[in-house]
Amino acid sequence: MLEVRGELDMATSPQLRDGLQRLVDAGDRRVVVDLAGVGFMDSSALGALVMMFKTFGQVGGRLCLAAVQPAVRSVLTVTSVDRVIHVYDSVPAAEADLPSGNGATGG
């Protein structure tokens, strides 16, 4: 799990991308991004999430989002990113839905 706090914008999205890349490099294949502490997200952060979602997919993994605040959920919905990346109401709900095998099965 990666817990994110504050605003996700042009200044902080590289940190988000780098943090997720470190998890991929460490062999993590099922990652929940906890966005409970994020009240704002711009297009650069959306791009970072989509890029890393694809990266996880390329290595047989899965990335999902959890505990998304209303303002951020609105951005995900308007841009249809929530149709690509699974969004859960809570971290436990996301973790319960992640496949338990070595690779993600998708879906």
PDB file of N, CA and C in Angstrom:
ATOM      1  N   MET A   1       0.844  -1.183   0.000  1.00  0.00           N
ATOM      2  CA  MET A   1       0.000   0.000   0.000  1.00  0.00           C
ATOM      3  C   MET A   1       0.887   1.243   0.000  1.00  0.00           C
ATOM      4  N   LEU A   2       0.419   2.240  -0.712  1.00  0.00           N
ATOM      5  CA  LEU A   2       1.102   3.529  -0.723  1.00  0.00           C
ATOM      6  C   LEU A   2       0.114   4.575  -0.220  1.00  0.00           C
ATOM      7  N   GLU A   3       0.438   5.196   0.901  1.00  0.00           N
ATOM      8  CA  GLU A   3      -0.422   6.236   1.470  1.00  0.00           C
ATOM      9  C   GLU A   3       0.043   7.584   0.945  1.00  0.00           C
ATOM     10  N   VAL A   4      -0.903   8.352   0.408  1.00  0.00           N
ATOM     11  CA  VAL A   4      -0.584   9.652  -0.174  1.00  0.00           C
ATOM     12  C   VAL A   4      -1.351  10.725   0.582  1.00  0.00           C
ATOM     13  N   ARG A   5      -0.676  11.839   0.864  1.00  0.00           N
ATOM     14  CA  ARG A   5      -1.315  12.951   1.581  1.00  0.00           C
ATOM     15  C   ARG A   5      -0.994  14.266   0.895  1.00  0.00           C
ATOM     16  N   GLY A   6      -1.893  15.226   1.061  1.00  0.00           N
ATOM     17  CA  GLY A   6      -1.670  16.560   0.517  1.00  0.00           C
ATOM     18  C   GLY A   6      -2.288  16.716  -0.855  1.00  0.00           C
ATOM     19  N   GLU A   7      -1.721  17.606  -1.631  1.00  0.00           N
ATOM     20  CA  GLU A   7      -2.218  17.853  -2.979  1.00  0.00           C
ATOM     21  C   GLU A   7      -1.366  17.099  -3.991  1.00  0.00           C
ATOM     22  N   LEU A   8      -2.047  16.503  -4.965  1.00  0.00           N
ATOM     23  CA  LEU A   8      -1.339  15.851  -6.061  1.00  0.00           C
ATOM     24  C   LEU A   8      -1.419  16.775  -7.264  1.00  0.00           C
ATOM     25  N   ASP A   9      -0.293  17.421  -7.540  1.00  0.00           N
ATOM     26  CA  ASP A   9      -0.254  18.385  -8.638  1.00  0.00           C
ATOM     27  C   ASP A   9       1.079  18.268  -9.366  1.00  0.00           C
ATOM     28  N   MET A  10       1.364  19.242 -10.210  1.00  0.00           N
ATOM     29  CA  MET A  10       2.576  19.196 -11.018  1.00  0.00           C
ATOM     30  C   MET A  10       3.839  19.106 -10.156  1.00  0.00           C
ATOM     31  N   ALA A  11       3.790  19.693  -8.967  1.00  0.00           N
ATOM     32  CA  ALA A  11       4.965  19.678  -8.095  1.00  0.00           C
ATOM     33  C   ALA A  11       5.152  18.333  -7.393  1.00  0.00           C
ATOM     34  N   THR A  12       4.051  17.630  -7.103  1.00  0.00           N
ATOM     35  CA  THR A  12       4.147  16.397  -6.314  1.00  0.00           C
ATOM     36  C   THR A  12       3.929  15.121  -7.112  1.00  0.00           C
ATOM     37  N   SER A  13       3.395  15.218  -8.320  1.00  0.00           N
ATOM     38  CA  SER A  13       3.134  13.995  -9.086  1.00  0.00           C
ATOM     39  C   SER A  13       4.405  13.202  -9.415  1.00  0.00           C
ATOM     40  N   PRO A  14       5.576  13.847  -9.613  1.00  0.00           N
ATOM     41  CA  PRO A  14       6.795  13.028  -9.810  1.00  0.00           C
ATOM     42  C   PRO A  14       7.111  12.158  -8.591  1.00  0.00           C
ATOM     43  N   GLN A  15       6.827  12.663  -7.383  1.00  0.00           N
ATOM     44  CA  GLN A  15       7.047  11.870  -6.173  1.00  0.00           C
ATOM     45  C   GLN A  15       6.104  10.677  -6.133  1.00  0.00           C
ATOM     46  N   LEU A  16       4.859  10.885  -6.561  1.00  0.00           N
ATOM     47  CA  LEU A  16       3.891   9.799  -6.631  1.00  0.00           C
ATOM     48  C   LEU A  16       4.379   8.731  -7.608  1.00  0.00           C
ATOM     49  N   ARG A  17       4.758   9.158  -8.779  1.00  0.00           N
ATOM     50  CA  ARG A  17       5.243   8.233  -9.809  1.00  0.00           C
ATOM     51  C   ARG A  17       6.483   7.485  -9.314  1.00  0.00           C
ATOM     52  N   ASP A  18       7.423   8.201  -8.715  1.00  0.00           N
ATOM     53  CA  ASP A  18       8.652   7.568  -8.228  1.00  0.00           C
ATOM     54  C   ASP A  18       8.360   6.566  -7.111  1.00  0.00           C
ATOM     55  N   GLY A  19       7.438   6.922  -6.219  1.00  0.00           N
ATOM     56  CA  GLY A  19       7.080   6.011  -5.129  1.00  0.00           C
ATOM     57  C   GLY A  19       6.478   4.728  -5.656  1.00  0.00           C
ATOM     58  N   LEU A  20       5.606   4.849  -6.655  1.00  0.00           N
ATOM     59  CA  LEU A  20       5.000   3.662  -7.252  1.00  0.00           C
ATOM     60  C   LEU A  20       6.032   2.855  -8.040  1.00  0.00           C
ATOM     61  N   GLN A  21       6.938   3.542  -8.711  1.00  0.00           N
ATOM     62  CA  GLN A  21       7.979   2.836  -9.461  1.00  0.00           C
ATOM     63  C   GLN A  21       8.883   2.049  -8.521  1.00  0.00           C
ATOM     64  N   ARG A  22       9.181   2.611  -7.356  1.00  0.00           N
ATOM     65  CA  ARG A  22       9.996   1.893  -6.368  1.00  0.00           C
ATOM     66  C   ARG A  22       9.301   0.592  -5.943  1.00  0.00           C
ATOM     67  N   LEU A  23       7.971   0.640  -5.800  1.00  0.00           N
ATOM     68  CA  LEU A  23       7.233  -0.566  -5.429  1.00  0.00           C
ATOM     69  C   LEU A  23       7.321  -1.616  -6.529  1.00  0.00           C
ATOM     70  N   VAL A  24       7.181  -1.180  -7.787  1.00  0.00           N
ATOM     71  CA  VAL A  24       7.320  -2.108  -8.925  1.00  0.00           C
ATOM     72  C   VAL A  24       8.718  -2.712  -8.912  1.00  0.00           C
ATOM     73  N   ASP A  25       9.724  -1.871  -8.753  1.00  0.00           N
ATOM     74  CA  ASP A  25      11.117  -2.328  -8.766  1.00  0.00           C
ATOM     75  C   ASP A  25      11.408  -3.303  -7.622  1.00  0.00           C
ATOM     76  N   ALA A  26      10.687  -3.124  -6.505  1.00  0.00           N
ATOM     77  CA  ALA A  26      10.878  -4.002  -5.345  1.00  0.00           C
ATOM     78  C   ALA A  26      10.127  -5.320  -5.495  1.00  0.00           C
ATOM     79  N   GLY A  27       9.348  -5.440  -6.580  1.00  0.00           N
ATOM     80  CA  GLY A  27       8.637  -6.693  -6.823  1.00  0.00           C
ATOM     81  C   GLY A  27       7.188  -6.693  -6.405  1.00  0.00           C
ATOM     82  N   ASP A  28       6.693  -5.567  -5.880  1.00  0.00           N
ATOM     83  CA  ASP A  28       5.269  -5.502  -5.518  1.00  0.00           C
ATOM     84  C   ASP A  28       4.432  -5.547  -6.784  1.00  0.00           C
ATOM     85  N   ARG A  29       3.395  -6.353  -6.772  1.00  0.00           N
ATOM     86  CA  ARG A  29       2.553  -6.504  -7.955  1.00  0.00           C
ATOM     87  C   ARG A  29       1.093  -6.141  -7.703  1.00  0.00           C
ATOM     88  N   ARG A  30       0.724  -5.990  -6.455  1.00  0.00           N
ATOM     89  CA  ARG A  30      -0.643  -5.596  -6.108  1.00  0.00           C
ATOM     90  C   ARG A  30      -0.551  -4.438  -5.138  1.00  0.00           C
ATOM     91  N   VAL A  31      -0.867  -3.240  -5.628  1.00  0.00           N
ATOM     92  CA  VAL A  31      -0.689  -2.051  -4.806  1.00  0.00           C
ATOM     93  C   VAL A  31      -1.983  -1.253  -4.721  1.00  0.00           C
ATOM     94  N   VAL A  32      -2.310  -0.868  -3.496  1.00  0.00           N
ATOM     95  CA  VAL A  32      -3.438   0.014  -3.227  1.00  0.00           C
ATOM     96  C   VAL A  32      -2.857   1.389  -2.916  1.00  0.00           C
ATOM     97  N   VAL A  33      -3.344   2.412  -3.616  1.00  0.00           N
ATOM     98  CA  VAL A  33      -2.947   3.785  -3.323  1.00  0.00           C
ATOM     99  C   VAL A  33      -4.037   4.384  -2.444  1.00  0.00           C
ATOM    100  N   ASP A  34      -3.687   4.664  -1.195  1.00  0.00           N
ATOM    101  CA  ASP A  34      -4.617   5.231  -0.217  1.00  0.00           C
ATOM    102  C   ASP A  34      -4.644   6.746  -0.398  1.00  0.00           C
ATOM    103  N   LEU A  35      -5.764   7.253  -0.912  1.00  0.00           N
ATOM    104  CA  LEU A  35      -5.893   8.681  -1.197  1.00  0.00           C
ATOM    105  C   LEU A  35      -6.746   9.413  -0.163  1.00  0.00           C
ATOM    106  N   ALA A  36      -6.926   8.831   1.019  1.00  0.00           N
ATOM    107  CA  ALA A  36      -7.756   9.450   2.056  1.00  0.00           C
ATOM    108  C   ALA A  36      -7.274  10.845   2.420  1.00  0.00           C
ATOM    109  N   GLY A  37      -5.965  11.070   2.358  1.00  0.00           N
ATOM    110  CA  GLY A  37      -5.404  12.355   2.748  1.00  0.00           C
ATOM    111  C   GLY A  37      -5.201  13.324   1.599  1.00  0.00           C
ATOM    112  N   VAL A  38      -5.800  13.031   0.439  1.00  0.00           N
ATOM    113  CA  VAL A  38      -5.621  13.885  -0.741  1.00  0.00           C
ATOM    114  C   VAL A  38      -6.920  14.618  -1.048  1.00  0.00           C
ATOM    115  N   GLY A  39      -6.858  15.950  -1.039  1.00  0.00           N
ATOM    116  CA  GLY A  39      -8.040  16.754  -1.313  1.00  0.00           C
ATOM    117  C   GLY A  39      -8.061  17.373  -2.691  1.00  0.00           C
ATOM    118  N   PHE A  40      -6.937  17.277  -3.417  1.00  0.00           N
ATOM    119  CA  PHE A  40      -6.858  17.886  -4.745  1.00  0.00           C
ATOM    120  C   PHE A  40      -5.954  17.042  -5.629  1.00  0.00           C
ATOM    121  N   MET A  41      -6.370  16.888  -6.888  1.00  0.00           N
ATOM    122  CA  MET A  41      -5.563  16.166  -7.863  1.00  0.00           C
ATOM    123  C   MET A  41      -5.709  16.867  -9.210  1.00  0.00           C
ATOM    124  N   ASP A  42      -4.579  17.116  -9.872  1.00  0.00           N
ATOM    125  CA  ASP A  42      -4.649  17.751 -11.196  1.00  0.00           C
ATOM    126  C   ASP A  42      -4.291  16.741 -12.286  1.00  0.00           C
ATOM    127  N   SER A  43      -4.230  17.222 -13.512  1.00  0.00           N
ATOM    128  CA  SER A  43      -4.017  16.337 -14.658  1.00  0.00           C
ATOM    129  C   SER A  43      -2.643  15.665 -14.641  1.00  0.00           C
ATOM    130  N   SER A  44      -1.642  16.318 -14.068  1.00  0.00           N
ATOM    131  CA  SER A  44      -0.321  15.686 -14.029  1.00  0.00           C
ATOM    132  C   SER A  44      -0.345  14.460 -13.112  1.00  0.00           C
ATOM    133  N   ALA A  45      -1.081  14.541 -12.020  1.00  0.00           N
ATOM    134  CA  ALA A  45      -1.205  13.393 -11.119  1.00  0.00           C
ATOM    135  C   ALA A  45      -2.025  12.290 -11.773  1.00  0.00           C
ATOM    136  N   LEU A  46      -3.068  12.673 -12.495  1.00  0.00           N
ATOM    137  CA  LEU A  46      -3.847  11.677 -13.237  1.00  0.00           C
ATOM    138  C   LEU A  46      -2.948  10.942 -14.223  1.00  0.00           C
ATOM    139  N   GLY A  47      -2.124  11.696 -14.930  1.00  0.00           N
ATOM    140  CA  GLY A  47      -1.204  11.098 -15.890  1.00  0.00           C
ATOM    141  C   GLY A  47      -0.240  10.140 -15.223  1.00  0.00           C
ATOM    142  N   ALA A  48       0.264  10.521 -14.045  1.00  0.00           N
ATOM    143  CA  ALA A  48       1.187   9.660 -13.312  1.00  0.00           C
ATOM    144  C   ALA A  48       0.501   8.366 -12.897  1.00  0.00           C
ATOM    145  N   LEU A  49      -0.740   8.464 -12.422  1.00  0.00           N
ATOM    146  CA  LEU A  49      -1.470   7.265 -12.014  1.00  0.00           C
ATOM    147  C   LEU A  49      -1.743   6.339 -13.197  1.00  0.00           C
ATOM    148  N   VAL A  50      -2.177   6.921 -14.314  1.00  0.00           N
ATOM    149  CA  VAL A  50      -2.460   6.105 -15.498  1.00  0.00           C
ATOM    150  C   VAL A  50      -1.183   5.445 -16.015  1.00  0.00           C
ATOM    151  N   MET A  51      -0.094   6.190 -16.044  1.00  0.00           N
ATOM    152  CA  MET A  51       1.178   5.633 -16.498  1.00  0.00           C
ATOM    153  C   MET A  51       1.610   4.464 -15.602  1.00  0.00           C
ATOM    154  N   MET A  52       1.486   4.644 -14.299  1.00  0.00           N
ATOM    155  CA  MET A  52       1.905   3.589 -13.386  1.00  0.00           C
ATOM    156  C   MET A  52       0.922   2.416 -13.399  1.00  0.00           C
ATOM    157  N   PHE A  53      -0.356   2.685 -13.650  1.00  0.00           N
ATOM    158  CA  PHE A  53      -1.330   1.614 -13.822  1.00  0.00           C
ATOM    159  C   PHE A  53      -0.896   0.718 -14.981  1.00  0.00           C
ATOM    160  N   LYS A  54      -0.472   1.348 -16.078  1.00  0.00           N
ATOM    161  CA  LYS A  54       0.012   0.589 -17.239  1.00  0.00           C
ATOM    162  C   LYS A  54       1.282  -0.176 -16.909  1.00  0.00           C
ATOM    163  N   THR A  55       2.180   0.452 -16.152  1.00  0.00           N
ATOM    164  CA  THR A  55       3.428  -0.204 -15.759  1.00  0.00           C
ATOM    165  C   THR A  55       3.135  -1.451 -14.933  1.00  0.00           C
ATOM    166  N   PHE A  56       2.222  -1.329 -13.969  1.00  0.00           N
ATOM    167  CA  PHE A  56       1.853  -2.497 -13.166  1.00  0.00           C
ATOM    168  C   PHE A  56       1.264  -3.586 -14.055  1.00  0.00           C
ATOM    169  N   GLY A  57       0.430  -3.195 -15.000  1.00  0.00           N
ATOM    170  CA  GLY A  57      -0.168  -4.160 -15.917  1.00  0.00           C
ATOM    171  C   GLY A  57       0.868  -4.886 -16.752  1.00  0.00           C
ATOM    172  N   GLN A  58       1.914  -4.183 -17.154  1.00  0.00           N
ATOM    173  CA  GLN A  58       2.960  -4.783 -17.990  1.00  0.00           C
ATOM    174  C   GLN A  58       3.761  -5.849 -17.247  1.00  0.00           C
ATOM    175  N   VAL A  59       3.778  -5.766 -15.923  1.00  0.00           N
ATOM    176  CA  VAL A  59       4.513  -6.756 -15.139  1.00  0.00           C
ATOM    177  C   VAL A  59       3.565  -7.749 -14.471  1.00  0.00           C
ATOM    178  N   GLY A  60       2.324  -7.771 -14.939  1.00  0.00           N
ATOM    179  CA  GLY A  60       1.350  -8.713 -14.395  1.00  0.00           C
ATOM    180  C   GLY A  60       0.774  -8.306 -13.065  1.00  0.00           C
ATOM    181  N   GLY A  61       0.849  -7.024 -12.764  1.00  0.00           N
ATOM    182  CA  GLY A  61       0.355  -6.532 -11.488  1.00  0.00           C
ATOM    183  C   GLY A  61      -0.936  -5.762 -11.606  1.00  0.00           C
ATOM    184  N   ARG A  62      -1.307  -5.168 -10.495  1.00  0.00           N
ATOM    185  CA  ARG A  62      -2.546  -4.400 -10.451  1.00  0.00           C
ATOM    186  C   ARG A  62      -2.389  -3.229  -9.489  1.00  0.00           C
ATOM    187  N   LEU A  63      -2.857  -2.085  -9.935  1.00  0.00           N
ATOM    188  CA  LEU A  63      -2.860  -0.864  -9.130  1.00  0.00           C
ATOM    189  C   LEU A  63      -4.300  -0.430  -8.976  1.00  0.00           C
ATOM    190  N   CYS A  64      -4.704  -0.093  -7.747  1.00  0.00           N
ATOM    191  CA  CYS A  64      -6.049   0.428  -7.536  1.00  0.00           C
ATOM    192  C   CYS A  64      -5.989   1.565  -6.523  1.00  0.00           C
ATOM    193  N   LEU A  65      -7.078   2.306  -6.444  1.00  0.00           N
ATOM    194  CA  LEU A  65      -7.165   3.480  -5.582  1.00  0.00           C
ATOM    195  C   LEU A  65      -8.193   3.234  -4.492  1.00  0.00           C
ATOM    196  N   ALA A  66      -7.965   3.802  -3.314  1.00  0.00           N
ATOM    197  CA  ALA A  66      -8.883   3.601  -2.203  1.00  0.00           C
ATOM    198  C   ALA A  66      -9.063   4.882  -1.401  1.00  0.00           C
ATOM    199  N   ALA A  67     -10.204   4.964  -0.720  1.00  0.00           N
ATOM    200  CA  ALA A  67     -10.532   6.062   0.194  1.00  0.00           C
ATOM    201  C   ALA A  67     -10.433   7.422  -0.493  1.00  0.00           C
ATOM    202  N   VAL A  68     -10.961   7.479  -1.703  1.00  0.00           N
ATOM    203  CA  VAL A  68     -10.868   8.694  -2.521  1.00  0.00           C
ATOM    204  C   VAL A  68     -11.868   9.731  -2.025  1.00  0.00           C
ATOM    205  N   GLN A  69     -11.371  10.944  -1.799  1.00  0.00           N
ATOM    206  CA  GLN A  69     -12.218  12.040  -1.337  1.00  0.00           C
ATOM    207  C   GLN A  69     -13.110  12.547  -2.475  1.00  0.00           C
ATOM    208  N   PRO A  70     -14.249  13.180  -2.137  1.00  0.00           N
ATOM    209  CA  PRO A  70     -15.211  13.599  -3.175  1.00  0.00           C
ATOM    210  C   PRO A  70     -14.621  14.451  -4.295  1.00  0.00           C
ATOM    211  N   ALA A  71     -13.774  15.417  -3.974  1.00  0.00           N
ATOM    212  CA  ALA A  71     -13.210  16.283  -5.020  1.00  0.00           C
ATOM    213  C   ALA A  71     -12.332  15.485  -5.978  1.00  0.00           C
ATOM    214  N   VAL A  72     -11.574  14.551  -5.448  1.00  0.00           N
ATOM    215  CA  VAL A  72     -10.700  13.725  -6.272  1.00  0.00           C
ATOM    216  C   VAL A  72     -11.528  12.711  -7.059  1.00  0.00           C
ATOM    217  N   ARG A  73     -12.541  12.146  -6.430  1.00  0.00           N
ATOM    218  CA  ARG A  73     -13.414  11.201  -7.130  1.00  0.00           C
ATOM    219  C   ARG A  73     -14.083  11.879  -8.324  1.00  0.00           C
ATOM    220  N   SER A  74     -14.459  13.129  -8.148  1.00  0.00           N
ATOM    221  CA  SER A  74     -15.073  13.883  -9.241  1.00  0.00           C
ATOM    222  C   SER A  74     -14.123  13.994 -10.425  1.00  0.00           C
ATOM    223  N   VAL A  75     -12.859  14.266 -10.161  1.00  0.00           N
ATOM    224  CA  VAL A  75     -11.852  14.355 -11.227  1.00  0.00           C
ATOM    225  C   VAL A  75     -11.707  13.001 -11.923  1.00  0.00           C
ATOM    226  N   LEU A  76     -11.672  11.938 -11.144  1.00  0.00           N
ATOM    227  CA  LEU A  76     -11.538  10.596 -11.718  1.00  0.00           C
ATOM    228  C   LEU A  76     -12.747  10.245 -12.588  1.00  0.00           C
ATOM    229  N   THR A  77     -13.925  10.679 -12.157  1.00  0.00           N
ATOM    230  CA  THR A  77     -15.151  10.383 -12.904  1.00  0.00           C
ATOM    231  C   THR A  77     -15.242  11.206 -14.182  1.00  0.00           C
ATOM    232  N   VAL A  78     -14.979  12.497 -14.078  1.00  0.00           N
ATOM    233  CA  VAL A  78     -15.071  13.386 -15.242  1.00  0.00           C
ATOM    234  C   VAL A  78     -14.105  12.960 -16.342  1.00  0.00           C
ATOM    235  N   THR A  79     -12.938  12.493 -15.943  1.00  0.00           N
ATOM    236  CA  THR A  79     -11.920  12.088 -16.918  1.00  0.00           C
ATOM    237  C   THR A  79     -12.036  10.611 -17.311  1.00  0.00           C
ATOM    238  N   SER A  80     -12.984   9.899 -16.720  1.00  0.00           N
ATOM    239  CA  SER A  80     -13.213   8.468 -16.952  1.00  0.00           C
ATOM    240  C   SER A  80     -12.048   7.586 -16.511  1.00  0.00           C
ATOM    241  N   VAL A  81     -11.148   8.113 -15.722  1.00  0.00           N
ATOM    242  CA  VAL A  81     -10.045   7.299 -15.199  1.00  0.00           C
ATOM    243  C   VAL A  81     -10.603   6.210 -14.288  1.00  0.00           C
ATOM    244  N   ASP A  82     -11.728   6.500 -13.621  1.00  0.00           N
ATOM    245  CA  ASP A  82     -12.330   5.493 -12.737  1.00  0.00           C
ATOM    246  C   ASP A  82     -12.904   4.305 -13.511  1.00  0.00           C
ATOM    247  N   ARG A  83     -12.975   4.396 -14.831  1.00  0.00           N
ATOM    248  CA  ARG A  83     -13.407   3.258 -15.649  1.00  0.00           C
ATOM    249  C   ARG A  83     -12.235   2.343 -15.976  1.00  0.00           C
ATOM    250  N   VAL A  84     -11.020   2.851 -15.768  1.00  0.00           N
ATOM    251  CA  VAL A  84      -9.806   2.085 -16.067  1.00  0.00           C
ATOM    252  C   VAL A  84      -9.173   1.563 -14.781  1.00  0.00           C
ATOM    253  N   ILE A  85      -9.007   2.449 -13.811  1.00  0.00           N
ATOM    254  CA  ILE A  85      -8.394   2.092 -12.532  1.00  0.00           C
ATOM    255  C   ILE A  85      -9.508   1.876 -11.513  1.00  0.00           C
ATOM    256  N   HIS A  86      -9.532   0.718 -10.880  1.00  0.00           N
ATOM    257  CA  HIS A  86     -10.559   0.433  -9.884  1.00  0.00           C
ATOM    258  C   HIS A  86     -10.421   1.378  -8.699  1.00  0.00           C
ATOM    259  N   VAL A  87     -11.568   1.890  -8.240  1.00  0.00           N
ATOM    260  CA  VAL A  87     -11.619   2.797  -7.101  1.00  0.00           C
ATOM    261  C   VAL A  87     -12.496   2.162  -6.026  1.00  0.00           C
ATOM    262  N   TYR A  88     -11.981   2.103  -4.804  1.00  0.00           N
ATOM    263  CA  TYR A  88     -12.689   1.481  -3.691  1.00  0.00           C
ATOM    264  C   TYR A  88     -12.951   2.509  -2.596  1.00  0.00           C
ATOM    265  N   ASP A  89     -13.998   2.251  -1.817  1.00  0.00           N
ATOM    266  CA  ASP A  89     -14.362   3.164  -0.740  1.00  0.00           C
ATOM    267  C   ASP A  89     -13.361   3.162   0.405  1.00  0.00           C
ATOM    268  N   SER A  90     -12.662   2.047   0.583  1.00  0.00           N
ATOM    269  CA  SER A  90     -11.716   1.937   1.690  1.00  0.00           C
ATOM    270  C   SER A  90     -10.538   1.063   1.295  1.00  0.00           C
ATOM    271  N   VAL A  91      -9.459   1.191   2.045  1.00  0.00           N
ATOM    272  CA  VAL A  91      -8.281   0.354   1.811  1.00  0.00           C
ATOM    273  C   VAL A  91      -8.608  -1.118   2.058  1.00  0.00           C
ATOM    274  N   PRO A  92      -9.304  -1.465   3.160  1.00  0.00           N
ATOM    275  CA  PRO A  92      -9.637  -2.877   3.357  1.00  0.00           C
ATOM    276  C   PRO A  92     -10.468  -3.461   2.210  1.00  0.00           C
ATOM    277  N   ALA A  93     -11.391  -2.689   1.661  1.00  0.00           N
ATOM    278  CA  ALA A  93     -12.196  -3.173   0.532  1.00  0.00           C
ATOM    279  C   ALA A  93     -11.312  -3.425  -0.679  1.00  0.00           C
ATOM    280  N   ALA A  94     -10.363  -2.540  -0.925  1.00  0.00           N
ATOM    281  CA  ALA A  94      -9.448  -2.712  -2.057  1.00  0.00           C
ATOM    282  C   ALA A  94      -8.559  -3.932  -1.850  1.00  0.00           C
ATOM    283  N   GLU A  95      -8.002  -4.055  -0.654  1.00  0.00           N
ATOM    284  CA  GLU A  95      -7.109  -5.181  -0.373  1.00  0.00           C
ATOM    285  C   GLU A  95      -7.848  -6.511  -0.456  1.00  0.00           C
ATOM    286  N   ALA A  96      -9.110  -6.534  -0.046  1.00  0.00           N
ATOM    287  CA  ALA A  96      -9.897  -7.767  -0.094  1.00  0.00           C
ATOM    288  C   ALA A  96     -10.178  -8.193  -1.536  1.00  0.00           C
ATOM    289  N   ASP A  97     -10.186  -7.242  -2.456  1.00  0.00           N
ATOM    290  CA  ASP A  97     -10.505  -7.532  -3.859  1.00  0.00           C
ATOM    291  C   ASP A  97      -9.271  -7.854  -4.698  1.00  0.00           C
ATOM    292  N   LEU A  98      -8.092  -7.617  -4.147  1.00  0.00           N
ATOM    293  CA  LEU A  98      -6.878  -7.896  -4.896  1.00  0.00           C
ATOM    294  C   LEU A  98      -6.624  -9.391  -4.949  1.00  0.00           C
ATOM    295  N   PRO A  99      -6.215  -9.896  -6.093  1.00  0.00           N
ATOM    296  CA  PRO A  99      -5.900 -11.324  -6.178  1.00  0.00           C
ATOM    297  C   PRO A  99      -4.751 -11.655  -5.228  1.00  0.00           C
ATOM    298  N   SER A 100      -4.783 -12.854  -4.692  1.00  0.00           N
ATOM    299  CA  SER A 100      -3.756 -13.227  -3.719  1.00  0.00           C
ATOM    300  C   SER A 100      -2.606 -14.007  -4.338  1.00  0.00           C
ATOM    301  N   GLY A 101      -2.672 -14.283  -5.640  1.00  0.00           N
ATOM    302  CA  GLY A 101      -1.605 -15.033  -6.292  1.00  0.00           C
ATOM    303  C   GLY A 101      -0.409 -14.159  -6.616  1.00  0.00           C
ATOM    304  N   ASN A 102       0.526 -14.693  -7.396  1.00  0.00           N
ATOM    305  CA  ASN A 102       1.734 -13.960  -7.749  1.00  0.00           C
ATOM    306  C   ASN A 102       1.469 -12.817  -8.717  1.00  0.00           C
ATOM    307  N   GLY A 103       0.443 -12.934  -9.529  1.00  0.00           N
ATOM    308  CA  GLY A 103       0.145 -11.886 -10.496  1.00  0.00           C
ATOM    309  C   GLY A 103      -1.316 -11.530 -10.438  1.00  0.00           C
ATOM    310  N   ALA A 104      -1.648 -10.365 -10.944  1.00  0.00           N
ATOM    311  CA  ALA A 104      -3.045  -9.951 -10.957  1.00  0.00           C
ATOM    312  C   ALA A 104      -3.760 -10.632 -12.116  1.00  0.00           C
ATOM    313  N   THR A 105      -5.008 -10.907 -11.893  1.00  0.00           N
ATOM    314  CA  THR A 105      -5.806 -11.520 -12.955  1.00  0.00           C
ATOM    315  C   THR A 105      -6.602 -10.481 -13.712  1.00  0.00           C
ATOM    316  N   GLY A 106      -6.587  -9.257 -13.225  1.00  0.00           N
ATOM    317  CA  GLY A 106      -7.350  -8.187 -13.878  1.00  0.00           C
ATOM    318  C   GLY A 106      -8.800  -8.275 -13.494  1.00  0.00           C
ATOM    319  N   GLY A 107      -9.579  -7.345 -14.078  1.00  0.00           N
ATOM    320  CA  GLY A 107     -11.002  -7.450 -13.822  1.00  0.00           C
ATOM    321  C   GLY A 107     -11.553  -6.496 -12.915  1.00  0.00           C
TER     322      GLY A 107
END
